[in-house]
Protein backbone atom coordinates (compact mmCIF):
# COMPACT_ATOMS: atom_id res chain seq x y z
CA MET A 1 -6.54 -12.29 17.50
CA SER A 2 -5.82 -10.15 20.44
CA PHE A 3 -4.39 -6.66 19.76
CA ARG A 4 -2.94 -6.10 23.07
CA ASN A 5 -0.15 -8.38 21.74
CA LYS A 6 0.53 -6.74 18.75
CA LYS A 7 4.32 -4.78 18.58
CA ARG A 8 4.16 -1.28 17.98
CA ARG A 9 5.48 0.21 14.58
CA ILE A 10 8.14 2.65 15.32
CA GLY A 11 10.68 4.40 12.48
CA VAL A 12 14.20 5.31 13.95
CA TYR A 13 15.55 8.29 12.01
CA GLY A 14 19.08 10.04 12.81
CA GLY A 15 20.94 12.66 11.93
CA THR A 16 22.88 15.30 12.61
CA PHE A 17 20.50 17.59 12.18
CA ASP A 18 22.92 20.07 12.29
CA PRO A 19 20.44 21.52 12.01
CA VAL A 20 17.37 19.93 11.25
CA HIS A 21 15.62 21.75 8.65
CA THR A 22 11.62 20.92 7.02
CA VAL A 23 12.91 18.52 4.83
CA HIS A 24 13.43 16.13 7.17
CA LEU A 25 10.27 16.50 8.64
CA ILE A 26 8.58 16.10 5.63
CA VAL A 27 10.59 13.04 4.80
CA ALA A 28 9.82 11.69 7.94
CA GLU A 29 6.23 11.95 7.91
CA ARG A 30 6.40 10.68 4.80
CA ALA A 31 7.60 7.07 5.59
CA ARG A 32 5.27 7.25 8.90
CA ASP A 33 2.64 7.62 6.51
CA VAL A 34 3.29 5.32 4.04
CA LEU A 35 4.46 2.27 6.29
CA ALA A 36 1.23 2.95 8.98
CA LEU A 37 4.17 4.14 11.15
CA ASP A 38 2.92 4.68 14.74
CA GLU A 39 5.80 6.94 15.86
CA ILE A 40 8.86 8.01 14.13
CA TRP A 41 11.61 8.55 16.80
CA LEU A 42 14.33 11.07 15.68
CA MET A 43 17.70 10.11 16.64
CA PRO A 44 20.74 13.06 17.09
CA ALA A 45 23.98 11.25 16.25
CA ARG A 46 26.59 11.77 19.26
CA ILE A 47 29.77 11.26 16.71
CA PRO A 48 29.32 9.34 13.23
CA PRO A 49 31.40 7.60 11.70
CA HIS A 50 31.61 8.51 8.65
CA LYS A 51 31.98 12.85 9.86
CA GLN A 52 34.57 12.41 12.89
CA ASN A 53 36.38 15.31 11.28
CA LYS A 54 33.98 17.73 11.58
CA VAL A 55 32.58 20.07 13.84
CA ILE A 56 29.20 19.38 15.01
CA THR A 57 27.18 21.89 16.83
CA ALA A 58 26.69 20.80 19.89
CA ASP A 59 24.01 18.45 21.40
CA ARG A 60 21.75 20.66 23.43
CA HIS A 61 21.74 22.94 20.86
CA ARG A 62 20.54 20.45 18.61
CA VAL A 63 18.41 18.71 20.58
CA GLU A 64 16.03 21.52 21.45
CA MET A 65 16.22 22.79 17.83
CA LEU A 66 14.83 19.10 16.93
CA ARG A 67 12.24 20.16 20.20
CA ARG A 68 10.79 23.10 18.91
CA ALA A 69 10.84 21.37 15.47
CA VAL A 70 8.62 18.01 16.32
CA ALA A 71 6.49 20.38 19.10
CA GLY A 72 2.32 19.47 18.82
CA ASN A 73 3.32 16.33 16.89
CA SER A 74 3.09 13.35 19.02
CA CYS A 75 3.45 11.19 16.53
CA PHE A 76 7.35 12.44 16.63
CA GLN A 77 9.56 12.01 19.57
CA ILE A 78 13.43 12.59 20.49
CA THR A 79 15.49 9.93 21.37
CA THR A 80 18.96 11.05 23.04
CA ILE A 81 19.92 7.27 22.92
CA GLU A 82 22.66 7.78 21.25
CA LEU A 83 23.73 11.58 22.55
CA ASP A 84 23.71 10.00 26.05
CA THR A 85 26.80 7.30 25.31
CA GLN A 86 30.22 8.18 26.99
CA GLY A 87 33.11 8.03 25.18
CA SER A 88 34.88 9.38 22.36
CA ALA A 89 34.36 6.64 20.20
CA PRO A 90 32.15 6.89 16.66
CA SER A 91 28.65 6.08 17.47
CA TYR A 92 27.45 2.96 15.27
CA THR A 93 23.86 2.34 14.41
CA TYR A 94 24.09 -1.55 15.31
CA ASP A 95 25.26 -1.26 18.78
CA THR A 96 22.85 1.56 19.11
CA MET A 97 20.01 -0.42 17.65
CA SER A 98 20.73 -3.43 19.57
CA ARG A 99 19.97 -1.78 22.90
CA LEU A 100 17.42 -0.02 21.38
CA THR A 101 15.29 -3.50 20.11
CA ALA A 102 16.47 -5.40 24.16
CA ALA A 103 14.98 -2.40 25.74
CA TYR A 104 11.46 -2.68 23.49
CA LYS A 105 10.86 -5.57 22.84
CA ASP A 106 6.76 -4.79 22.43
CA VAL A 107 8.33 -2.72 18.88
CA ASP A 108 9.12 -3.25 15.19
CA PHE A 109 11.60 -1.31 14.34
CA PHE A 110 12.35 0.63 11.00
CA PHE A 111 15.59 2.45 10.33
CA ILE A 112 15.17 4.73 7.94
CA ILE A 113 17.59 6.31 5.57
CA GLY A 114 18.42 8.36 3.36
CA GLY A 115 18.65 7.27 -0.41
CA ASP A 116 22.43 9.06 -0.50
CA MET A 117 23.04 6.37 2.44
CA VAL A 118 22.00 3.37 0.50
CA GLU A 119 25.36 2.94 -2.00
CA TYR A 120 27.32 2.74 1.43
CA LEU A 121 25.74 0.14 3.34
CA PRO A 122 28.47 -2.72 2.41
CA LYS A 123 30.81 -0.58 4.66
CA TRP A 124 28.76 -0.22 7.71
CA HIS A 125 29.52 -1.97 11.21
CA ARG A 126 27.81 -5.58 11.02
CA VAL A 127 25.77 -4.83 8.53
CA ASP A 128 24.59 -8.05 8.24
CA GLU A 129 22.94 -9.20 11.48
CA LEU A 130 21.84 -4.90 12.00
CA LEU A 131 19.68 -6.29 8.72
CA ARG A 132 18.71 -8.99 10.16
CA MET A 133 17.73 -6.86 13.56
CA VAL A 134 15.73 -4.21 11.66
CA GLN A 135 13.60 -3.46 9.04
CA PHE A 136 15.85 -0.72 6.84
CA VAL A 137 14.01 2.47 4.80
CA ALA A 138 15.16 3.82 2.16
CA LEU A 139 14.34 7.05 1.48
CA ALA A 140 14.20 6.85 -2.19
CA ARG A 141 15.93 10.08 -3.64
CA PRO A 142 15.81 11.74 -7.51
CA GLY A 143 19.69 11.77 -8.33
CA TYR A 144 20.61 8.81 -6.18
CA SER A 145 21.24 4.77 -7.44
CA MET A 146 18.75 2.49 -4.96
CA ASN A 147 21.88 -0.46 -6.38
CA THR A 148 23.14 -2.29 -3.25
CA PRO A 149 23.73 -6.33 -2.55
CA TYR A 150 21.01 -5.37 0.24
CA ARG A 151 18.15 -4.18 -1.80
CA GLU A 152 16.50 -7.29 -1.27
CA TRP A 153 16.18 -6.32 2.61
CA LEU A 154 15.56 -2.44 1.85
CA ILE A 155 12.03 -1.64 1.69
CA GLU A 156 11.94 1.57 -0.51
CA VAL A 157 9.90 4.53 -0.24
CA ASP A 158 9.31 7.13 -2.79
CA MET A 159 9.71 11.22 -1.90
CA PRO A 160 8.96 14.09 -3.06
CA GLN A 161 11.49 15.73 -5.12
CA LEU A 162 13.00 18.38 -2.03
CA ASP A 163 16.80 18.82 -1.74
CA VAL A 164 17.78 20.65 1.30
CA ALA A 165 20.63 20.27 3.55
CA SER A 166 21.96 21.48 6.19
CA SER A 167 25.44 22.55 5.01
CA GLN A 168 22.74 25.19 2.83
CA VAL A 169 21.53 25.95 5.97
CA ARG A 170 24.74 27.04 8.02
CA ASP A 171 26.23 28.16 4.68
CA LEU A 172 23.66 30.34 4.13
CA ILE A 173 22.94 31.90 7.50
CA ARG A 174 27.57 32.64 7.62
CA ASP A 175 26.62 34.82 4.35
CA GLY A 176 23.77 36.51 5.91
CA HIS A 177 20.73 35.14 3.75
CA SER A 178 17.56 34.36 5.32
CA ILE A 179 16.79 31.22 6.46
CA ARG A 180 13.09 31.77 6.14
CA TYR A 181 10.63 28.66 5.11
CA LEU A 182 13.66 26.13 5.06
CA VAL A 183 13.61 25.37 8.73
CA PRO A 184 10.56 25.31 11.36
CA GLU A 185 9.76 28.93 12.26
CA ALA A 186 10.98 27.99 15.75
CA VAL A 187 14.00 26.38 14.56
CA ARG A 188 14.88 29.36 12.84
CA LEU A 189 14.57 32.24 16.06
CA TYR A 190 16.52 29.16 18.02
CA ILE A 191 19.37 30.01 15.52
CA GLU A 192 18.72 33.62 15.97
CA GLU A 193 18.60 33.65 19.66
CA ASN A 194 22.03 31.85 20.38
CA GLU A 195 23.51 33.71 17.53
CA LEU A 196 24.16 30.04 15.69
CA TYR A 197 26.33 28.87 12.57
CA GLU A 198 27.20 32.89 12.36
CA SER A 199 31.15 32.10 11.94
């Protein structure tokens, strides 16, 4: 068997990352380790369909926070494919992964979602085609059901019982509280330097 033709195994982990926090990184690393992935590509979302009416921090800030968060980890990369898309329409995972699979024929993609998103899979845009295009990975979290008609299409990865949300980080900053250790130190300093989330 020749290893020259062996496909790379890449996990794609999307989110608004507003801001990226330590649990994002912990679960991404857990998925990489359990599934023996070569890399994790963190993919900041442009306009998620379920967040069309919410204010999202400027792309440049979210990307820079991600860059600082993953500095020094060669297994974590950032893809801005969704941010590079023009227009104001929501960014659908089907369209994004169609572009990635067409551009990277030498890659098997694993699309990583949180356990909180599993029940919404039937509502995803062109989900049946998407599930045949890439392997879905569900991060099993306490309190969230894995009950879905698409369960046979999912690989479940058990996660540590950690629960931090970007919204909690933003609320703490707005209320003048510490976020130390909830986000990587480089991210915390960037937020302070740029006075993000203060109002």
